[in-house]
């Protein structure tokens, strides 16, 4: 599976032109152009998803050269798009509504999947080249269950397994 960037055309597969036009007109701040709003939301959500990916110490992130778009594994594009749409809805402050709560339900499902990604319960494909960025990981510290090794009661002595504990 490839690691690719989410672009505006991907978002357009989930929205009508009318919705996108409203987001691009209502949600603009002073001096902001329509393309910048969606690009900013895509960047923010992509960084959020990459943070969830890195929450699992087994996962790596794709190396991104300076100036290149940030990428995600294609398996996470769909939930990322669900998050992007709700983030856009938040930006316009209720001017565009989700009457049947379909988008909010998809957002909640996407965030639940992100929790699974961070907890190493959803497989993420390895990128072709991994980033060398370092991330702080305090698993095993405050707030996390401590892992205690389980003793089998055996020990190896001269290559032979023997009972560690003997009866008294």
C-alpha atoms as a PDB file:
ATOM      1  CA  UNK A   1       0.000   0.000   0.000  1.00  0.00           C
ATOM      2  CA  UNK A   2       1.274   3.388  -0.948  1.00  0.00           C
ATOM      3  CA  UNK A   3       1.699   6.441   1.209  1.00  0.00           C
ATOM      4  CA  UNK A   4       0.190   9.418  -0.624  1.00  0.00           C
ATOM      5  CA  UNK A   5      -0.982  12.913   0.205  1.00  0.00           C
ATOM      6  CA  UNK A   6      -4.646  13.840   0.471  1.00  0.00           C
ATOM      7  CA  UNK A   7      -5.503  16.561  -2.048  1.00  0.00           C
ATOM      8  CA  UNK A   8      -8.553  18.732  -2.733  1.00  0.00           C
ATOM      9  CA  UNK A   9      -9.786  16.309  -5.404  1.00  0.00           C
ATOM     10  CA  UNK A  10     -10.000  13.581  -2.742  1.00  0.00           C
ATOM     11  CA  UNK A  11     -12.190  15.800  -0.562  1.00  0.00           C
ATOM     12  CA  UNK A  12     -14.404  16.576  -3.558  1.00  0.00           C
ATOM     13  CA  UNK A  13     -15.251  12.873  -3.855  1.00  0.00           C
ATOM     14  CA  UNK A  14     -17.040  13.174  -0.494  1.00  0.00           C
ATOM     15  CA  UNK A  15     -18.813  16.506  -1.005  1.00  0.00           C
ATOM     16  CA  UNK A  16     -21.076  18.198  -3.514  1.00  0.00           C
ATOM     17  CA  UNK A  17     -19.859  21.284  -5.371  1.00  0.00           C
ATOM     18  CA  UNK A  18     -22.498  23.339  -3.506  1.00  0.00           C
ATOM     19  CA  UNK A  19     -21.137  22.262  -0.117  1.00  0.00           C
ATOM     20  CA  UNK A  20     -17.564  22.963  -1.122  1.00  0.00           C
ATOM     21  CA  UNK A  21     -18.511  26.398  -2.501  1.00  0.00           C
ATOM     22  CA  UNK A  22     -20.186  27.274   0.826  1.00  0.00           C
ATOM     23  CA  UNK A  23     -17.129  26.193   2.808  1.00  0.00           C
ATOM     24  CA  UNK A  24     -14.896  28.194   0.499  1.00  0.00           C
ATOM     25  CA  UNK A  25     -16.983  31.362   0.808  1.00  0.00           C
ATOM     26  CA  UNK A  26     -18.408  31.358   4.351  1.00  0.00           C
ATOM     27  CA  UNK A  27     -15.410  29.905   6.155  1.00  0.00           C
ATOM     28  CA  UNK A  28     -12.829  32.359   4.876  1.00  0.00           C
ATOM     29  CA  UNK A  29     -11.015  34.661   7.239  1.00  0.00           C
ATOM     30  CA  UNK A  30     -10.018  38.173   6.226  1.00  0.00           C
ATOM     31  CA  UNK A  31      -7.476  38.039   3.402  1.00  0.00           C
ATOM     32  CA  UNK A  32      -7.782  34.277   2.941  1.00  0.00           C
ATOM     33  CA  UNK A  33      -8.373  32.673  -0.461  1.00  0.00           C
ATOM     34  CA  UNK A  34     -10.659  29.696  -1.065  1.00  0.00           C
ATOM     35  CA  UNK A  35      -7.883  27.215  -1.836  1.00  0.00           C
ATOM     36  CA  UNK A  36      -6.017  28.053   1.375  1.00  0.00           C
ATOM     37  CA  UNK A  37      -8.894  27.107   3.702  1.00  0.00           C
ATOM     38  CA  UNK A  38      -9.188  23.529   2.449  1.00  0.00           C
ATOM     39  CA  UNK A  39      -5.408  23.126   2.177  1.00  0.00           C
ATOM     40  CA  UNK A  40      -4.986  24.248   5.804  1.00  0.00           C
ATOM     41  CA  UNK A  41      -7.622  21.802   7.047  1.00  0.00           C
ATOM     42  CA  UNK A  42      -6.089  18.947   5.012  1.00  0.00           C
ATOM     43  CA  UNK A  43      -2.647  19.735   6.465  1.00  0.00           C
ATOM     44  CA  UNK A  44      -3.965  19.902  10.032  1.00  0.00           C
ATOM     45  CA  UNK A  45      -5.872  16.617   9.775  1.00  0.00           C
ATOM     46  CA  UNK A  46      -2.953  14.886   8.046  1.00  0.00           C
ATOM     47  CA  UNK A  47      -0.666  15.901  10.912  1.00  0.00           C
ATOM     48  CA  UNK A  48      -3.286  14.699  13.402  1.00  0.00           C
ATOM     49  CA  UNK A  49      -3.531  11.282  11.715  1.00  0.00           C
ATOM     50  CA  UNK A  50       0.275  11.010  11.554  1.00  0.00           C
ATOM     51  CA  UNK A  51       0.305  11.654  15.299  1.00  0.00           C
ATOM     52  CA  UNK A  52      -2.098   8.763  15.851  1.00  0.00           C
ATOM     53  CA  UNK A  53       0.069   6.546  13.629  1.00  0.00           C
ATOM     54  CA  UNK A  54       3.145   7.417  15.666  1.00  0.00           C
ATOM     55  CA  UNK A  55       1.217   6.696  18.872  1.00  0.00           C
ATOM     56  CA  UNK A  56       2.023   3.037  18.230  1.00  0.00           C
ATOM     57  CA  UNK A  57       5.776   2.533  18.657  1.00  0.00           C
ATOM     58  CA  UNK A  58       5.789  -0.189  15.989  1.00  0.00           C
ATOM     59  CA  UNK A  59       4.599   2.219  13.294  1.00  0.00           C
ATOM     60  CA  UNK A  60       6.892   4.322  11.185  1.00  0.00           C
ATOM     61  CA  UNK A  61       6.102   7.454   9.209  1.00  0.00           C
ATOM     62  CA  UNK A  62       6.947   8.042   5.572  1.00  0.00           C
ATOM     63  CA  UNK A  63       9.961  10.255   5.017  1.00  0.00           C
ATOM     64  CA  UNK A  64       8.950  13.655   3.708  1.00  0.00           C
ATOM     65  CA  UNK A  65      11.496  15.783   1.888  1.00  0.00           C
ATOM     66  CA  UNK A  66      11.501  19.525   2.559  1.00  0.00           C
ATOM     67  CA  UNK A  67       8.627  21.207   0.739  1.00  0.00           C
ATOM     68  CA  UNK A  68       6.901  17.921  -0.122  1.00  0.00           C
ATOM     69  CA  UNK A  69       3.315  17.192   0.833  1.00  0.00           C
ATOM     70  CA  UNK A  70       2.757  15.181   3.997  1.00  0.00           C
ATOM     71  CA  UNK A  71       1.609  11.670   3.262  1.00  0.00           C
ATOM     72  CA  UNK A  72      -0.601   9.024   4.845  1.00  0.00           C
ATOM     73  CA  UNK A  73      -1.046   5.324   4.105  1.00  0.00           C
ATOM     74  CA  UNK A  74      -3.906   4.867   1.633  1.00  0.00           C
ATOM     75  CA  UNK A  75      -5.739   2.637   4.133  1.00  0.00           C
ATOM     76  CA  UNK A  76      -6.257   5.720   6.353  1.00  0.00           C
ATOM     77  CA  UNK A  77      -7.395   8.130   3.625  1.00  0.00           C
ATOM     78  CA  UNK A  78     -11.103   7.364   4.080  1.00  0.00           C
ATOM     79  CA  UNK A  79     -11.200   8.069   7.832  1.00  0.00           C
ATOM     80  CA  UNK A  80      -8.993  11.134   7.326  1.00  0.00           C
ATOM     81  CA  UNK A  81     -11.491  12.469   4.769  1.00  0.00           C
ATOM     82  CA  UNK A  82     -14.345  11.948   7.252  1.00  0.00           C
ATOM     83  CA  UNK A  83     -12.401  13.998   9.806  1.00  0.00           C
ATOM     84  CA  UNK A  84     -11.612  16.719   7.237  1.00  0.00           C
ATOM     85  CA  UNK A  85     -15.276  17.210   6.357  1.00  0.00           C
ATOM     86  CA  UNK A  86     -16.339  17.699   9.978  1.00  0.00           C
ATOM     87  CA  UNK A  87     -13.410  20.063  10.555  1.00  0.00           C
ATOM     88  CA  UNK A  88     -14.678  22.108   7.589  1.00  0.00           C
ATOM     89  CA  UNK A  89     -18.194  22.057   9.061  1.00  0.00           C
ATOM     90  CA  UNK A  90     -16.811  23.409  12.335  1.00  0.00           C
ATOM     91  CA  UNK A  91     -15.060  26.186  10.429  1.00  0.00           C
ATOM     92  CA  UNK A  92     -18.316  27.597   9.025  1.00  0.00           C
ATOM     93  CA  UNK A  93     -20.027  27.579  12.425  1.00  0.00           C
ATOM     94  CA  UNK A  94     -23.248  25.738  11.573  1.00  0.00           C
ATOM     95  CA  UNK A  95     -23.912  27.466   8.239  1.00  0.00           C
ATOM     96  CA  UNK A  96     -23.810  24.023   6.635  1.00  0.00           C
ATOM     97  CA  UNK A  97     -25.637  21.396   8.678  1.00  0.00           C
ATOM     98  CA  UNK A  98     -25.537  17.625   8.836  1.00  0.00           C
ATOM     99  CA  UNK A  99     -29.272  17.040   9.078  1.00  0.00           C
ATOM    100  CA  UNK A 100     -29.156  13.262   9.547  1.00  0.00           C
ATOM    101  CA  UNK A 101     -25.847  13.257  11.472  1.00  0.00           C
ATOM    102  CA  UNK A 102     -24.248  10.970   8.880  1.00  0.00           C
ATOM    103  CA  UNK A 103     -21.054  13.004   8.739  1.00  0.00           C
ATOM    104  CA  UNK A 104     -20.771  13.253  12.519  1.00  0.00           C
ATOM    105  CA  UNK A 105     -21.263   9.473  12.836  1.00  0.00           C
ATOM    106  CA  UNK A 106     -18.531   8.937  10.211  1.00  0.00           C
ATOM    107  CA  UNK A 107     -16.267  11.344  12.144  1.00  0.00           C
ATOM    108  CA  UNK A 108     -16.845   9.449  15.401  1.00  0.00           C
ATOM    109  CA  UNK A 109     -16.101   6.157  13.657  1.00  0.00           C
ATOM    110  CA  UNK A 110     -12.919   7.631  12.151  1.00  0.00           C
ATOM    111  CA  UNK A 111     -11.724   8.876  15.534  1.00  0.00           C
ATOM    112  CA  UNK A 112     -12.418   5.453  17.088  1.00  0.00           C
ATOM    113  CA  UNK A 113     -10.271   3.917  14.333  1.00  0.00           C
ATOM    114  CA  UNK A 114      -7.509   6.439  15.061  1.00  0.00           C
ATOM    115  CA  UNK A 115      -7.551   5.309  18.701  1.00  0.00           C
ATOM    116  CA  UNK A 116      -7.071   1.726  17.480  1.00  0.00           C
ATOM    117  CA  UNK A 117      -4.170   2.854  15.286  1.00  0.00           C
ATOM    118  CA  UNK A 118      -2.500   4.581  18.243  1.00  0.00           C
ATOM    119  CA  UNK A 119      -3.040   1.505  20.446  1.00  0.00           C
ATOM    120  CA  UNK A 120      -1.444  -0.812  17.844  1.00  0.00           C
ATOM    121  CA  UNK A 121      -4.764  -2.568  17.218  1.00  0.00           C
ATOM    122  CA  UNK A 122      -5.018  -1.597  13.535  1.00  0.00           C
ATOM    123  CA  UNK A 123      -2.276  -2.453  11.083  1.00  0.00           C
ATOM    124  CA  UNK A 124      -0.556   0.364   9.250  1.00  0.00           C
ATOM    125  CA  UNK A 125       1.681  -0.523   6.308  1.00  0.00           C
ATOM    126  CA  UNK A 126       5.354   0.359   6.527  1.00  0.00           C
ATOM    127  CA  UNK A 127       6.409   3.218   4.258  1.00  0.00           C
ATOM    128  CA  UNK A 128       9.020   2.687   1.549  1.00  0.00           C
ATOM    129  CA  UNK A 129      11.401   5.063   3.351  1.00  0.00           C
ATOM    130  CA  UNK A 130      10.845   5.942   6.986  1.00  0.00           C
ATOM    131  CA  UNK A 131      11.208   9.367   8.535  1.00  0.00           C
ATOM    132  CA  UNK A 132      14.041   9.910  10.974  1.00  0.00           C
ATOM    133  CA  UNK A 133      11.980  12.345  13.068  1.00  0.00           C
ATOM    134  CA  UNK A 134      11.965  11.522  16.760  1.00  0.00           C
ATOM    135  CA  UNK A 135       8.798  11.506  18.824  1.00  0.00           C
ATOM    136  CA  UNK A 136       8.347  11.510  22.571  1.00  0.00           C
ATOM    137  CA  UNK A 137       6.792   8.268  23.814  1.00  0.00           C
ATOM    138  CA  UNK A 138       6.009   7.912  27.502  1.00  0.00           C
ATOM    139  CA  UNK A 139       4.359   4.512  27.334  1.00  0.00           C
ATOM    140  CA  UNK A 140       5.225   2.633  30.455  1.00  0.00           C
ATOM    141  CA  UNK A 141       5.331   5.858  32.449  1.00  0.00           C
ATOM    142  CA  UNK A 142       2.642   7.601  34.406  1.00  0.00           C
ATOM    143  CA  UNK A 143      -0.865   6.737  33.245  1.00  0.00           C
ATOM    144  CA  UNK A 144       0.025   3.545  31.403  1.00  0.00           C
ATOM    145  CA  UNK A 145      -0.194  -0.009  32.667  1.00  0.00           C
ATOM    146  CA  UNK A 146       3.190  -1.327  33.639  1.00  0.00           C
ATOM    147  CA  UNK A 147       4.214  -4.533  31.929  1.00  0.00           C
ATOM    148  CA  UNK A 148       5.507  -7.129  34.365  1.00  0.00           C
ATOM    149  CA  UNK A 149       7.403 -10.120  33.006  1.00  0.00           C
ATOM    150  CA  UNK A 150       5.895 -13.455  33.883  1.00  0.00           C
ATOM    151  CA  UNK A 151       8.243 -16.051  35.291  1.00  0.00           C
ATOM    152  CA  UNK A 152       7.861 -19.603  34.028  1.00  0.00           C
ATOM    153  CA  UNK A 153       9.616 -20.980  37.085  1.00  0.00           C
ATOM    154  CA  UNK A 154      12.372 -22.366  34.851  1.00  0.00           C
ATOM    155  CA  UNK A 155      15.902 -21.225  34.318  1.00  0.00           C
ATOM    156  CA  UNK A 156      18.527 -22.327  31.847  1.00  0.00           C
ATOM    157  CA  UNK A 157      21.653 -23.843  33.416  1.00  0.00           C
ATOM    158  CA  UNK A 158      24.322 -25.141  31.062  1.00  0.00           C
ATOM    159  CA  UNK A 159      21.787 -25.277  28.236  1.00  0.00           C
ATOM    160  CA  UNK A 160      19.264 -27.344  30.243  1.00  0.00           C
ATOM    161  CA  UNK A 161      15.938 -26.009  31.562  1.00  0.00           C
ATOM    162  CA  UNK A 162      15.644 -26.638  35.287  1.00  0.00           C
ATOM    163  CA  UNK A 163      13.032 -25.750  37.886  1.00  0.00           C
ATOM    164  CA  UNK A 164      13.920 -22.440  39.446  1.00  0.00           C
ATOM    165  CA  UNK A 165      11.923 -23.160  42.582  1.00  0.00           C
ATOM    166  CA  UNK A 166      12.290 -26.400  44.491  1.00  0.00           C
ATOM    167  CA  UNK A 167       9.973 -27.838  47.068  1.00  0.00           C
ATOM    168  CA  UNK A 168      10.975 -27.303  50.659  1.00  0.00           C
END
